[in-house]
Structures are given as C-alpha cells and as structure tokens.
Amino acid sequence: RAFDGATSTAIREHWVPLLEADPPGLVFEHHDHTYKRTRRLRAGREASDGVLYVGDGNWGRGARPVHADRPYLAETASAFNVLRITLHPDGRGEVLVVDENGRELDAFDFARNS
C-alpha cells in the first residue's frame, strides 16, 4: 500500500474532496495497525480549516512500525490502542487514546469546522 499506489491515490482522489467540501469535526480511518492523528489537512497541506484524521486501528494483531517522518502526522504510536470519544451537546468533542496498559498515547479536543 504505497502512498502513491493505485488504491491510495484513488481514495485521496474520490473521498478527500467530499470531506473537504464540508469538513466534519473528525474522520476515522483505519488499516495500518498503529495509532495516528494527522494535522488538519486541506489539499494535502496543513490548514486550520482542514480535515482531522485519526485512527489506524490496532487490536488483536501485531503493531506495525509507524511512519513518524511523514509531515502530515501530528502523533503516532506503534501500540495496541483504543480511543474514547466524548461528544458534547455544543458540538465539541474530546478524544483520549490509551494503550493496552492504560497508558495515555494521545489526548485532544475537536469541533466541527464551520
């Protein structure tokens, strides 16, 4: 699954414009068996009104190495992890990410862009 592979490119070509047209507060995407949180992204670059992606899911399968050198990543961890998402009536949200021993890997707040 190279960054420039056919599937990766097609996903960015078809899904990213939909998400950037009306950015949600948070987008979950999983596949790499690690933890990651991106910077807010628009057109592939950091932007305050961009889309925030979190995930990469890792439970029940060995953790893969992370690619912390990718400039669009804000946080990464090669560890089993679970996310606790708290949603508030005013549109704010909080995410706490812990590993299998309860150690905090990441914590951040988010809100829908509008």
PDB file of N, CA and C in Angstrom:
ATOM      1  N   ARG A   1       0.827  -1.185   0.000  1.00  0.00           N
ATOM      2  CA  ARG A   1       0.000   0.000   0.000  1.00  0.00           C
ATOM      3  C   ARG A   1       0.866   1.241   0.000  1.00  0.00           C
ATOM      4  N   ALA A   2       1.568   1.408  -1.060  1.00  0.00           N
ATOM      5  CA  ALA A   2       2.413   2.589  -1.176  1.00  0.00           C
ATOM      6  C   ALA A   2       1.554   3.851  -1.214  1.00  0.00           C
ATOM      7  N   PHE A   3       2.080   4.945  -0.710  1.00  0.00           N
ATOM      8  CA  PHE A   3       1.374   6.218  -0.705  1.00  0.00           C
ATOM      9  C   PHE A   3       0.894   6.582  -2.104  1.00  0.00           C
ATOM     10  N   ASP A   4       1.695   6.298  -3.108  1.00  0.00           N
ATOM     11  CA  ASP A   4       1.342   6.606  -4.494  1.00  0.00           C
ATOM     12  C   ASP A   4       0.724   5.427  -5.233  1.00  0.00           C
ATOM     13  N   GLY A   5       0.358   4.358  -4.509  1.00  0.00           N
ATOM     14  CA  GLY A   5      -0.275   3.201  -5.121  1.00  0.00           C
ATOM     15  C   GLY A   5      -1.659   3.540  -5.649  1.00  0.00           C
ATOM     16  N   ALA A   6      -2.196   2.687  -6.507  1.00  0.00           N
ATOM     17  CA  ALA A   6      -3.481   2.944  -7.162  1.00  0.00           C
ATOM     18  C   ALA A   6      -4.625   3.122  -6.158  1.00  0.00           C
ATOM     19  N   THR A   7      -4.711   2.258  -5.160  1.00  0.00           N
ATOM     20  CA  THR A   7      -5.807   2.356  -4.194  1.00  0.00           C
ATOM     21  C   THR A   7      -5.669   3.612  -3.341  1.00  0.00           C
ATOM     22  N   SER A   8      -4.475   3.871  -2.830  1.00  0.00           N
ATOM     23  CA  SER A   8      -4.259   5.067  -2.007  1.00  0.00           C
ATOM     24  C   SER A   8      -4.568   6.336  -2.788  1.00  0.00           C
ATOM     25  N   THR A   9      -4.126   6.379  -4.024  1.00  0.00           N
ATOM     26  CA  THR A   9      -4.373   7.549  -4.869  1.00  0.00           C
ATOM     27  C   THR A   9      -5.864   7.718  -5.147  1.00  0.00           C
ATOM     28  N   ALA A  10      -6.556   6.621  -5.430  1.00  0.00           N
ATOM     29  CA  ALA A  10      -7.996   6.681  -5.709  1.00  0.00           C
ATOM     30  C   ALA A  10      -8.774   7.157  -4.486  1.00  0.00           C
ATOM     31  N   ILE A  11      -8.401   6.712  -3.315  1.00  0.00           N
ATOM     32  CA  ILE A  11      -9.066   7.148  -2.090  1.00  0.00           C
ATOM     33  C   ILE A  11      -8.913   8.650  -1.929  1.00  0.00           C
ATOM     34  N   ARG A  12      -7.703   9.147  -2.088  1.00  0.00           N
ATOM     35  CA  ARG A  12      -7.493  10.590  -1.960  1.00  0.00           C
ATOM     36  C   ARG A  12      -8.236  11.356  -3.054  1.00  0.00           C
ATOM     37  N   GLU A  13      -8.283  10.807  -4.237  1.00  0.00           N
ATOM     38  CA  GLU A  13      -8.945  11.481  -5.356  1.00  0.00           C
ATOM     39  C   GLU A  13     -10.453  11.587  -5.166  1.00  0.00           C
ATOM     40  N   HIS A  14     -11.077  10.534  -4.620  1.00  0.00           N
ATOM     41  CA  HIS A  14     -12.533  10.492  -4.541  1.00  0.00           C
ATOM     42  C   HIS A  14     -13.110  10.880  -3.181  1.00  0.00           C
ATOM     43  N   TRP A  15     -12.449  10.514  -2.093  1.00  0.00           N
ATOM     44  CA  TRP A  15     -13.005  10.785  -0.767  1.00  0.00           C
ATOM     45  C   TRP A  15     -12.606  12.147  -0.221  1.00  0.00           C
ATOM     46  N   VAL A  16     -11.360  12.533  -0.401  1.00  0.00           N
ATOM     47  CA  VAL A  16     -10.876  13.782   0.196  1.00  0.00           C
ATOM     48  C   VAL A  16     -11.693  14.995  -0.259  1.00  0.00           C
ATOM     49  N   PRO A  17     -12.014  15.151  -1.535  1.00  0.00           N
ATOM     50  CA  PRO A  17     -12.829  16.313  -1.924  1.00  0.00           C
ATOM     51  C   PRO A  17     -14.198  16.346  -1.226  1.00  0.00           C
ATOM     52  N   LEU A  18     -14.807  15.198  -1.007  1.00  0.00           N
ATOM     53  CA  LEU A  18     -16.086  15.152  -0.292  1.00  0.00           C
ATOM     54  C   LEU A  18     -15.933  15.624   1.148  1.00  0.00           C
ATOM     55  N   LEU A  19     -14.880  15.168   1.798  1.00  0.00           N
ATOM     56  CA  LEU A  19     -14.649  15.546   3.187  1.00  0.00           C
ATOM     57  C   LEU A  19     -14.264  17.018   3.305  1.00  0.00           C
ATOM     58  N   GLU A  20     -13.483  17.516   2.356  1.00  0.00           N
ATOM     59  CA  GLU A  20     -13.043  18.907   2.415  1.00  0.00           C
ATOM     60  C   GLU A  20     -14.152  19.885   2.047  1.00  0.00           C
ATOM     61  N   ALA A  21     -15.175  19.439   1.338  1.00  0.00           N
ATOM     62  CA  ALA A  21     -16.283  20.319   0.958  1.00  0.00           C
ATOM     63  C   ALA A  21     -17.064  20.786   2.184  1.00  0.00           C
ATOM     64  N   ASP A  22     -17.186  19.955   3.193  1.00  0.00           N
ATOM     65  CA  ASP A  22     -17.890  20.281   4.430  1.00  0.00           C
ATOM     66  C   ASP A  22     -17.208  19.500   5.555  1.00  0.00           C
ATOM     67  N   PRO A  23     -16.044  19.962   6.002  1.00  0.00           N
ATOM     68  CA  PRO A  23     -15.242  19.174   6.948  1.00  0.00           C
ATOM     69  C   PRO A  23     -15.978  18.808   8.224  1.00  0.00           C
ATOM     70  N   PRO A  24     -16.022  17.519   8.520  1.00  0.00           N
ATOM     71  CA  PRO A  24     -16.573  17.089   9.810  1.00  0.00           C
ATOM     72  C   PRO A  24     -15.553  17.396  10.903  1.00  0.00           C
ATOM     73  N   GLY A  25     -15.944  17.249  12.130  1.00  0.00           N
ATOM     74  CA  GLY A  25     -15.019  17.508  13.225  1.00  0.00           C
ATOM     75  C   GLY A  25     -13.867  16.528  13.261  1.00  0.00           C
ATOM     76  N   LEU A  26     -14.129  15.295  12.823  1.00  0.00           N
ATOM     77  CA  LEU A  26     -13.137  14.242  12.933  1.00  0.00           C
ATOM     78  C   LEU A  26     -13.476  13.137  11.941  1.00  0.00           C
ATOM     79  N   VAL A  27     -12.466  12.570  11.316  1.00  0.00           N
ATOM     80  CA  VAL A  27     -12.655  11.453  10.388  1.00  0.00           C
ATOM     81  C   VAL A  27     -11.842  10.273  10.905  1.00  0.00           C
ATOM     82  N   PHE A  28     -12.494   9.122  11.013  1.00  0.00           N
ATOM     83  CA  PHE A  28     -11.816   7.905  11.428  1.00  0.00           C
ATOM     84  C   PHE A  28     -11.448   7.105  10.193  1.00  0.00           C
ATOM     85  N   GLU A  29     -10.194   6.696  10.118  1.00  0.00           N
ATOM     86  CA  GLU A  29      -9.773   5.808   9.038  1.00  0.00           C
ATOM     87  C   GLU A  29      -8.771   4.831   9.627  1.00  0.00           C
ATOM     88  N   HIS A  30      -8.915   3.598   9.231  1.00  0.00           N
ATOM     89  CA  HIS A  30      -8.107   2.544   9.845  1.00  0.00           C
ATOM     90  C   HIS A  30      -7.555   1.593   8.803  1.00  0.00           C
ATOM     91  N   HIS A  31      -6.379   1.105   9.052  1.00  0.00           N
ATOM     92  CA  HIS A  31      -5.841  -0.003   8.283  1.00  0.00           C
ATOM     93  C   HIS A  31      -4.422  -0.362   8.673  1.00  0.00           C
ATOM     94  N   ASP A  32      -3.644   0.547   9.191  1.00  0.00           N
ATOM     95  CA  ASP A  32      -2.212   0.299   9.345  1.00  0.00           C
ATOM     96  C   ASP A  32      -1.783  -0.376  10.642  1.00  0.00           C
ATOM     97  N   HIS A  33      -2.704  -0.702  11.527  1.00  0.00           N
ATOM     98  CA  HIS A  33      -2.371  -1.404  12.778  1.00  0.00           C
ATOM     99  C   HIS A  33      -1.350  -0.632  13.606  1.00  0.00           C
ATOM    100  N   THR A  34      -1.587   0.666  13.709  1.00  0.00           N
ATOM    101  CA  THR A  34      -0.805   1.576  14.549  1.00  0.00           C
ATOM    102  C   THR A  34      -1.800   2.605  15.082  1.00  0.00           C
ATOM    103  N   TYR A  35      -1.306   3.655  15.719  1.00  0.00           N
ATOM    104  CA  TYR A  35      -2.152   4.800  16.042  1.00  0.00           C
ATOM    105  C   TYR A  35      -1.591   6.003  15.310  1.00  0.00           C
ATOM    106  N   LYS A  36      -2.496   6.824  14.797  1.00  0.00           N
ATOM    107  CA  LYS A  36      -2.048   8.067  14.184  1.00  0.00           C
ATOM    108  C   LYS A  36      -3.129   9.121  14.278  1.00  0.00           C
ATOM    109  N   ARG A  37      -2.646  10.373  14.377  1.00  0.00           N
ATOM    110  CA  ARG A  37      -3.500  11.552  14.248  1.00  0.00           C
ATOM    111  C   ARG A  37      -2.778  12.488  13.297  1.00  0.00           C
ATOM    112  N   THR A  38      -3.494  12.944  12.293  1.00  0.00           N
ATOM    113  CA  THR A  38      -2.878  13.864  11.349  1.00  0.00           C
ATOM    114  C   THR A  38      -2.997  15.296  11.865  1.00  0.00           C
ATOM    115  N   ARG A  39      -2.326  16.172  11.207  1.00  0.00           N
ATOM    116  CA  ARG A  39      -2.583  17.592  11.365  1.00  0.00           C
ATOM    117  C   ARG A  39      -3.885  17.857  10.604  1.00  0.00           C
ATOM    118  N   ARG A  40      -4.513  18.997  10.774  1.00  0.00           N
ATOM    119  CA  ARG A  40      -5.673  19.324   9.944  1.00  0.00           C
ATOM    120  C   ARG A  40      -5.169  19.546   8.532  1.00  0.00           C
ATOM    121  N   LEU A  41      -5.776  18.838   7.576  1.00  0.00           N
ATOM    122  CA  LEU A  41      -5.284  18.856   6.198  1.00  0.00           C
ATOM    123  C   LEU A  41      -6.329  19.366   5.222  1.00  0.00           C
ATOM    124  N   ARG A  42      -5.871  20.147   4.273  1.00  0.00           N
ATOM    125  CA  ARG A  42      -6.689  20.605   3.138  1.00  0.00           C
ATOM    126  C   ARG A  42      -5.746  20.620   1.934  1.00  0.00           C
ATOM    127  N   ALA A  43      -6.185  19.929   0.869  1.00  0.00           N
ATOM    128  CA  ALA A  43      -5.382  19.833  -0.356  1.00  0.00           C
ATOM    129  C   ALA A  43      -3.981  19.294  -0.058  1.00  0.00           C
ATOM    130  N   GLY A  44      -3.910  18.375   0.914  1.00  0.00           N
ATOM    131  CA  GLY A  44      -2.644  17.731   1.237  1.00  0.00           C
ATOM    132  C   GLY A  44      -1.684  18.550   2.075  1.00  0.00           C
ATOM    133  N   ARG A  45      -2.133  19.719   2.529  1.00  0.00           N
ATOM    134  CA  ARG A  45      -1.269  20.593   3.326  1.00  0.00           C
ATOM    135  C   ARG A  45      -1.966  20.950   4.638  1.00  0.00           C
ATOM    136  N   GLU A  46      -1.171  21.297   5.639  1.00  0.00           N
ATOM    137  CA  GLU A  46      -1.728  21.698   6.922  1.00  0.00           C
ATOM    138  C   GLU A  46      -2.547  22.981   6.756  1.00  0.00           C
ATOM    139  N   ALA A  47      -3.753  22.983   7.326  1.00  0.00           N
ATOM    140  CA  ALA A  47      -4.644  24.144   7.247  1.00  0.00           C
ATOM    141  C   ALA A  47      -5.568  24.160   8.451  1.00  0.00           C
ATOM    142  N   SER A  48      -5.779  25.320   9.044  1.00  0.00           N
ATOM    143  CA  SER A  48      -6.606  25.409  10.242  1.00  0.00           C
ATOM    144  C   SER A  48      -8.048  24.983   9.991  1.00  0.00           C
ATOM    145  N   ASP A  49      -8.522  25.086   8.747  1.00  0.00           N
ATOM    146  CA  ASP A  49      -9.892  24.680   8.421  1.00  0.00           C
ATOM    147  C   ASP A  49      -9.925  23.320   7.722  1.00  0.00           C
ATOM    148  N   GLY A  50      -8.863  22.558   7.870  1.00  0.00           N
ATOM    149  CA  GLY A  50      -8.759  21.271   7.199  1.00  0.00           C
ATOM    150  C   GLY A  50      -9.435  20.132   7.942  1.00  0.00           C
ATOM    151  N   VAL A  51      -9.259  18.942   7.422  1.00  0.00           N
ATOM    152  CA  VAL A  51      -9.849  17.716   7.958  1.00  0.00           C
ATOM    153  C   VAL A  51      -8.848  17.053   8.905  1.00  0.00           C
ATOM    154  N   LEU A  52      -9.332  16.614  10.053  1.00  0.00           N
ATOM    155  CA  LEU A  52      -8.513  15.907  11.035  1.00  0.00           C
ATOM    156  C   LEU A  52      -8.822  14.420  10.932  1.00  0.00           C
ATOM    157  N   TYR A  53      -7.800  13.617  10.644  1.00  0.00           N
ATOM    158  CA  TYR A  53      -7.951  12.167  10.517  1.00  0.00           C
ATOM    159  C   TYR A  53      -7.293  11.504  11.718  1.00  0.00           C
ATOM    160  N   VAL A  54      -7.961  10.483  12.244  1.00  0.00           N
ATOM    161  CA  VAL A  54      -7.431   9.757  13.394  1.00  0.00           C
ATOM    162  C   VAL A  54      -7.715   8.278  13.200  1.00  0.00           C
ATOM    163  N   GLY A  55      -6.878   7.455  13.767  1.00  0.00           N
ATOM    164  CA  GLY A  55      -7.151   6.030  13.743  1.00  0.00           C
ATOM    165  C   GLY A  55      -5.950   5.190  13.417  1.00  0.00           C
ATOM    166  N   ASP A  56      -6.158   4.300  12.527  1.00  0.00           N
ATOM    167  CA  ASP A  56      -5.272   3.258  12.025  1.00  0.00           C
ATOM    168  C   ASP A  56      -5.421   1.966  12.788  1.00  0.00           C
ATOM    169  N   GLY A  57      -6.325   1.916  13.727  1.00  0.00           N
ATOM    170  CA  GLY A  57      -6.766   0.719  14.417  1.00  0.00           C
ATOM    171  C   GLY A  57      -5.749  -0.374  14.662  1.00  0.00           C
ATOM    172  N   ASN A  58      -5.634  -0.799  15.896  1.00  0.00           N
ATOM    173  CA  ASN A  58      -4.693  -1.862  16.207  1.00  0.00           C
ATOM    174  C   ASN A  58      -5.142  -2.581  17.465  1.00  0.00           C
ATOM    175  N   TRP A  59      -5.832  -3.670  17.272  1.00  0.00           N
ATOM    176  CA  TRP A  59      -6.166  -4.522  18.414  1.00  0.00           C
ATOM    177  C   TRP A  59      -6.297  -5.943  17.897  1.00  0.00           C
ATOM    178  N   GLY A  60      -5.645  -6.858  18.556  1.00  0.00           N
ATOM    179  CA  GLY A  60      -5.751  -8.256  18.167  1.00  0.00           C
ATOM    180  C   GLY A  60      -4.816  -8.664  17.049  1.00  0.00           C
ATOM    181  N   ARG A  61      -3.948  -7.775  16.634  1.00  0.00           N
ATOM    182  CA  ARG A  61      -2.969  -8.065  15.594  1.00  0.00           C
ATOM    183  C   ARG A  61      -1.711  -7.283  15.944  1.00  0.00           C
ATOM    184  N   GLY A  62      -0.569  -7.817  15.611  1.00  0.00           N
ATOM    185  CA  GLY A  62       0.682  -7.149  15.953  1.00  0.00           C
ATOM    186  C   GLY A  62       0.761  -5.734  15.409  1.00  0.00           C
ATOM    187  N   ALA A  63       1.371  -4.857  16.196  1.00  0.00           N
ATOM    188  CA  ALA A  63       1.527  -3.467  15.777  1.00  0.00           C
ATOM    189  C   ALA A  63       2.587  -3.359  14.686  1.00  0.00           C
ATOM    190  N   ARG A  64       2.291  -2.544  13.699  1.00  0.00           N
ATOM    191  CA  ARG A  64       3.255  -2.276  12.632  1.00  0.00           C
ATOM    192  C   ARG A  64       4.099  -1.065  13.009  1.00  0.00           C
ATOM    193  N   PRO A  65       5.246  -0.915  12.384  1.00  0.00           N
ATOM    194  CA  PRO A  65       6.050   0.290  12.631  1.00  0.00           C
ATOM    195  C   PRO A  65       5.299   1.533  12.144  1.00  0.00           C
ATOM    196  N   VAL A  66       5.533   2.654  12.796  1.00  0.00           N
ATOM    197  CA  VAL A  66       4.905   3.909  12.388  1.00  0.00           C
ATOM    198  C   VAL A  66       5.823   4.657  11.428  1.00  0.00           C
ATOM    199  N   HIS A  67       5.233   5.567  10.689  1.00  0.00           N
ATOM    200  CA  HIS A  67       5.975   6.404   9.750  1.00  0.00           C
ATOM    201  C   HIS A  67       5.947   7.840  10.271  1.00  0.00           C
ATOM    202  N   ALA A  68       6.589   8.061  11.411  1.00  0.00           N
ATOM    203  CA  ALA A  68       6.548   9.362  12.077  1.00  0.00           C
ATOM    204  C   ALA A  68       7.191  10.470  11.257  1.00  0.00           C
ATOM    205  N   ASP A  69       7.952  10.116  10.236  1.00  0.00           N
ATOM    206  CA  ASP A  69       8.631  11.127   9.426  1.00  0.00           C
ATOM    207  C   ASP A  69       7.712  11.769   8.388  1.00  0.00           C
ATOM    208  N   ARG A  70       6.487  11.310   8.276  1.00  0.00           N
ATOM    209  CA  ARG A  70       5.559  11.898   7.300  1.00  0.00           C
ATOM    210  C   ARG A  70       5.050  13.227   7.851  1.00  0.00           C
ATOM    211  N   PRO A  71       5.220  14.309   7.095  1.00  0.00           N
ATOM    212  CA  PRO A  71       4.934  15.646   7.635  1.00  0.00           C
ATOM    213  C   PRO A  71       3.474  15.904   7.975  1.00  0.00           C
ATOM    214  N   TYR A  72       2.548  15.110   7.468  1.00  0.00           N
ATOM    215  CA  TYR A  72       1.127  15.325   7.768  1.00  0.00           C
ATOM    216  C   TYR A  72       0.711  14.697   9.087  1.00  0.00           C
ATOM    217  N   LEU A  73       1.597  13.940   9.741  1.00  0.00           N
ATOM    218  CA  LEU A  73       1.258  13.288  11.007  1.00  0.00           C
ATOM    219  C   LEU A  73       1.618  14.164  12.200  1.00  0.00           C
ATOM    220  N   ALA A  74       0.674  14.294  13.136  1.00  0.00           N
ATOM    221  CA  ALA A  74       0.911  15.041  14.367  1.00  0.00           C
ATOM    222  C   ALA A  74       1.331  14.107  15.500  1.00  0.00           C
ATOM    223  N   GLU A  75       0.730  12.909  15.571  1.00  0.00           N
ATOM    224  CA  GLU A  75       1.029  11.930  16.627  1.00  0.00           C
ATOM    225  C   GLU A  75       0.986  10.536  16.037  1.00  0.00           C
ATOM    226  N   THR A  76       1.883   9.670  16.495  1.00  0.00           N
ATOM    227  CA  THR A  76       1.889   8.271  16.075  1.00  0.00           C
ATOM    228  C   THR A  76       2.334   7.397  17.234  1.00  0.00           C
ATOM    229  N   ALA A  77       1.949   6.128  17.175  1.00  0.00           N
ATOM    230  CA  ALA A  77       2.407   5.142  18.159  1.00  0.00           C
ATOM    231  C   ALA A  77       2.239   3.751  17.569  1.00  0.00           C
ATOM    232  N   SER A  78       3.250   2.946  17.731  1.00  0.00           N
ATOM    233  CA  SER A  78       3.182   1.550  17.330  1.00  0.00           C
ATOM    234  C   SER A  78       2.791   0.751  18.568  1.00  0.00           C
ATOM    235  N   ALA A  79       1.487   0.680  18.833  1.00  0.00           N
ATOM    236  CA  ALA A  79       1.000   0.049  20.062  1.00  0.00           C
ATOM    237  C   ALA A  79      -0.464  -0.329  19.903  1.00  0.00           C
ATOM    238  N   PHE A  80      -0.886  -1.381  20.617  1.00  0.00           N
ATOM    239  CA  PHE A  80      -2.307  -1.656  20.710  1.00  0.00           C
ATOM    240  C   PHE A  80      -2.949  -0.416  21.325  1.00  0.00           C
ATOM    241  N   ASN A  81      -4.126  -0.020  20.842  1.00  0.00           N
ATOM    242  CA  ASN A  81      -4.730   1.200  21.362  1.00  0.00           C
ATOM    243  C   ASN A  81      -6.236   1.162  21.237  1.00  0.00           C
ATOM    244  N   VAL A  82      -6.854   1.978  22.058  1.00  0.00           N
ATOM    245  CA  VAL A  82      -8.295   2.166  21.998  1.00  0.00           C
ATOM    246  C   VAL A  82      -8.565   3.657  22.165  1.00  0.00           C
ATOM    247  N   LEU A  83      -9.605   4.136  21.484  1.00  0.00           N
ATOM    248  CA  LEU A  83      -9.976   5.543  21.543  1.00  0.00           C
ATOM    249  C   LEU A  83     -11.268   5.691  22.330  1.00  0.00           C
ATOM    250  N   ARG A  84     -11.296   6.647  23.266  1.00  0.00           N
ATOM    251  CA  ARG A  84     -12.534   7.006  23.961  1.00  0.00           C
ATOM    252  C   ARG A  84     -12.924   8.385  23.451  1.00  0.00           C
ATOM    253  N   ILE A  85     -14.090   8.458  22.825  1.00  0.00           N
ATOM    254  CA  ILE A  85     -14.574   9.711  22.252  1.00  0.00           C
ATOM    255  C   ILE A  85     -15.739  10.202  23.089  1.00  0.00           C
ATOM    256  N   THR A  86     -15.656  11.447  23.559  1.00  0.00           N
ATOM    257  CA  THR A  86     -16.726  12.075  24.312  1.00  0.00           C
ATOM    258  C   THR A  86     -17.281  13.209  23.476  1.00  0.00           C
ATOM    259  N   LEU A  87     -18.592  13.164  23.198  1.00  0.00           N
ATOM    260  CA  LEU A  87     -19.260  14.209  22.419  1.00  0.00           C
ATOM    261  C   LEU A  87     -20.111  15.062  23.346  1.00  0.00           C
ATOM    262  N   HIS A  88     -20.038  16.367  23.169  1.00  0.00           N
ATOM    263  CA  HIS A  88     -20.794  17.310  23.992  1.00  0.00           C
ATOM    264  C   HIS A  88     -21.911  17.945  23.162  1.00  0.00           C
ATOM    265  N   PRO A  89     -23.017  18.322  23.802  1.00  0.00           N
ATOM    266  CA  PRO A  89     -24.152  18.912  23.074  1.00  0.00           C
ATOM    267  C   PRO A  89     -23.799  20.173  22.274  1.00  0.00           C
ATOM    268  N   ASP A  90     -22.769  20.898  22.689  1.00  0.00           N
ATOM    269  CA  ASP A  90     -22.412  22.137  21.991  1.00  0.00           C
ATOM    270  C   ASP A  90     -21.536  21.901  20.752  1.00  0.00           C
ATOM    271  N   GLY A  91     -21.293  20.633  20.396  1.00  0.00           N
ATOM    272  CA  GLY A  91     -20.517  20.326  19.200  1.00  0.00           C
ATOM    273  C   GLY A  91     -19.048  20.036  19.446  1.00  0.00           C
ATOM    274  N   ARG A  92     -18.594  20.226  20.668  1.00  0.00           N
ATOM    275  CA  ARG A  92     -17.211  19.898  21.000  1.00  0.00           C
ATOM    276  C   ARG A  92     -17.062  18.396  21.197  1.00  0.00           C
ATOM    277  N   GLY A  93     -15.844  17.922  21.022  1.00  0.00           N
ATOM    278  CA  GLY A  93     -15.547  16.536  21.293  1.00  0.00           C
ATOM    279  C   GLY A  93     -14.176  16.393  21.914  1.00  0.00           C
ATOM    280  N   GLU A  94     -13.982  15.317  22.632  1.00  0.00           N
ATOM    281  CA  GLU A  94     -12.693  15.016  23.259  1.00  0.00           C
ATOM    282  C   GLU A  94     -12.321  13.587  22.906  1.00  0.00           C
ATOM    283  N   VAL A  95     -11.041  13.370  22.646  1.00  0.00           N
ATOM    284  CA  VAL A  95     -10.545  12.026  22.356  1.00  0.00           C
ATOM    285  C   VAL A  95      -9.416  11.717  23.322  1.00  0.00           C
ATOM    286  N   LEU A  96      -9.490  10.541  23.920  1.00  0.00           N
ATOM    287  CA  LEU A  96      -8.420  10.012  24.754  1.00  0.00           C
ATOM    288  C   LEU A  96      -8.004   8.690  24.139  1.00  0.00           C
ATOM    289  N   VAL A  97      -6.714   8.523  23.906  1.00  0.00           N
ATOM    290  CA  VAL A  97      -6.177   7.294  23.313  1.00  0.00           C
ATOM    291  C   VAL A  97      -5.259   6.648  24.338  1.00  0.00           C
ATOM    292  N   VAL A  98      -5.525   5.377  24.658  1.00  0.00           N
ATOM    293  CA  VAL A  98      -4.692   4.663  25.619  1.00  0.00           C
ATOM    294  C   VAL A  98      -4.210   3.353  25.016  1.00  0.00           C
ATOM    295  N   ASP A  99      -3.095   2.872  25.538  1.00  0.00           N
ATOM    296  CA  ASP A  99      -2.587   1.579  25.092  1.00  0.00           C
ATOM    297  C   ASP A  99      -3.183   0.468  25.951  1.00  0.00           C
ATOM    298  N   GLU A 100      -2.756  -0.759  25.744  1.00  0.00           N
ATOM    299  CA  GLU A 100      -3.331  -1.908  26.436  1.00  0.00           C
ATOM    300  C   GLU A 100      -3.102  -1.891  27.942  1.00  0.00           C
ATOM    301  N   ASN A 101      -2.162  -1.069  28.410  1.00  0.00           N
ATOM    302  CA  ASN A 101      -1.901  -0.964  29.843  1.00  0.00           C
ATOM    303  C   ASN A 101      -2.531   0.286  30.452  1.00  0.00           C
ATOM    304  N   GLY A 102      -3.338   0.996  29.662  1.00  0.00           N
ATOM    305  CA  GLY A 102      -3.996   2.193  30.142  1.00  0.00           C
ATOM    306  C   GLY A 102      -3.133   3.443  30.074  1.00  0.00           C
ATOM    307  N   ARG A 103      -1.947   3.330  29.490  1.00  0.00           N
ATOM    308  CA  ARG A 103      -1.058   4.484  29.367  1.00  0.00           C
ATOM    309  C   ARG A 103      -1.570   5.400  28.261  1.00  0.00           C
ATOM    310  N   GLU A 104      -1.643   6.696  28.551  1.00  0.00           N
ATOM    311  CA  GLU A 104      -2.133   7.666  27.570  1.00  0.00           C
ATOM    312  C   GLU A 104      -1.145   7.811  26.412  1.00  0.00           C
ATOM    313  N   LEU A 105      -1.646   7.620  25.202  1.00  0.00           N
ATOM    314  CA  LEU A 105      -0.837   7.812  23.998  1.00  0.00           C
ATOM    315  C   LEU A 105      -1.083   9.176  23.368  1.00  0.00           C
ATOM    316  N   ASP A 106      -2.314   9.675  23.515  1.00  0.00           N
ATOM    317  CA  ASP A 106      -2.679  10.950  22.922  1.00  0.00           C
ATOM    318  C   ASP A 106      -3.982  11.413  23.552  1.00  0.00           C
ATOM    319  N   ALA A 107      -4.189  12.705  23.549  1.00  0.00           N
ATOM    320  CA  ALA A 107      -5.445  13.299  24.007  1.00  0.00           C
ATOM    321  C   ALA A 107      -5.600  14.625  23.293  1.00  0.00           C
ATOM    322  N   PHE A 108      -6.799  14.886  22.775  1.00  0.00           N
ATOM    323  CA  PHE A 108      -7.031  16.143  22.071  1.00  0.00           C
ATOM    324  C   PHE A 108      -8.513  16.448  22.014  1.00  0.00           C
ATOM    325  N   ASP A 109      -8.814  17.705  21.763  1.00  0.00           N
ATOM    326  CA  ASP A 109     -10.187  18.172  21.593  1.00  0.00           C
ATOM    327  C   ASP A 109     -10.421  18.447  20.116  1.00  0.00           C
ATOM    328  N   PHE A 110     -11.675  18.438  19.716  1.00  0.00           N
ATOM    329  CA  PHE A 110     -12.017  18.780  18.338  1.00  0.00           C
ATOM    330  C   PHE A 110     -13.407  19.392  18.313  1.00  0.00           C
ATOM    331  N   ALA A 111     -13.683  20.067  17.216  1.00  0.00           N
ATOM    332  CA  ALA A 111     -15.005  20.643  16.979  1.00  0.00           C
ATOM    333  C   ALA A 111     -15.235  20.653  15.485  1.00  0.00           C
ATOM    334  N   ARG A 112     -16.468  20.585  15.108  1.00  0.00           N
ATOM    335  CA  ARG A 112     -16.801  20.630  13.696  1.00  0.00           C
ATOM    336  C   ARG A 112     -16.368  21.980  13.133  1.00  0.00           C
ATOM    337  N   ASN A 113     -15.738  21.966  11.965  1.00  0.00           N
ATOM    338  CA  ASN A 113     -15.352  23.203  11.287  1.00  0.00           C
ATOM    339  C   ASN A 113     -16.598  23.854  10.705  1.00  0.00           C
ATOM    340  N   SER A 114     -16.873  25.057  11.089  1.00  0.00           N
ATOM    341  CA  SER A 114     -17.965  25.815  10.477  1.00  0.00           C
ATOM    342  C   SER A 114     -17.923  27.240  10.937  1.00  0.00           C
TER     343      SER A 114
END
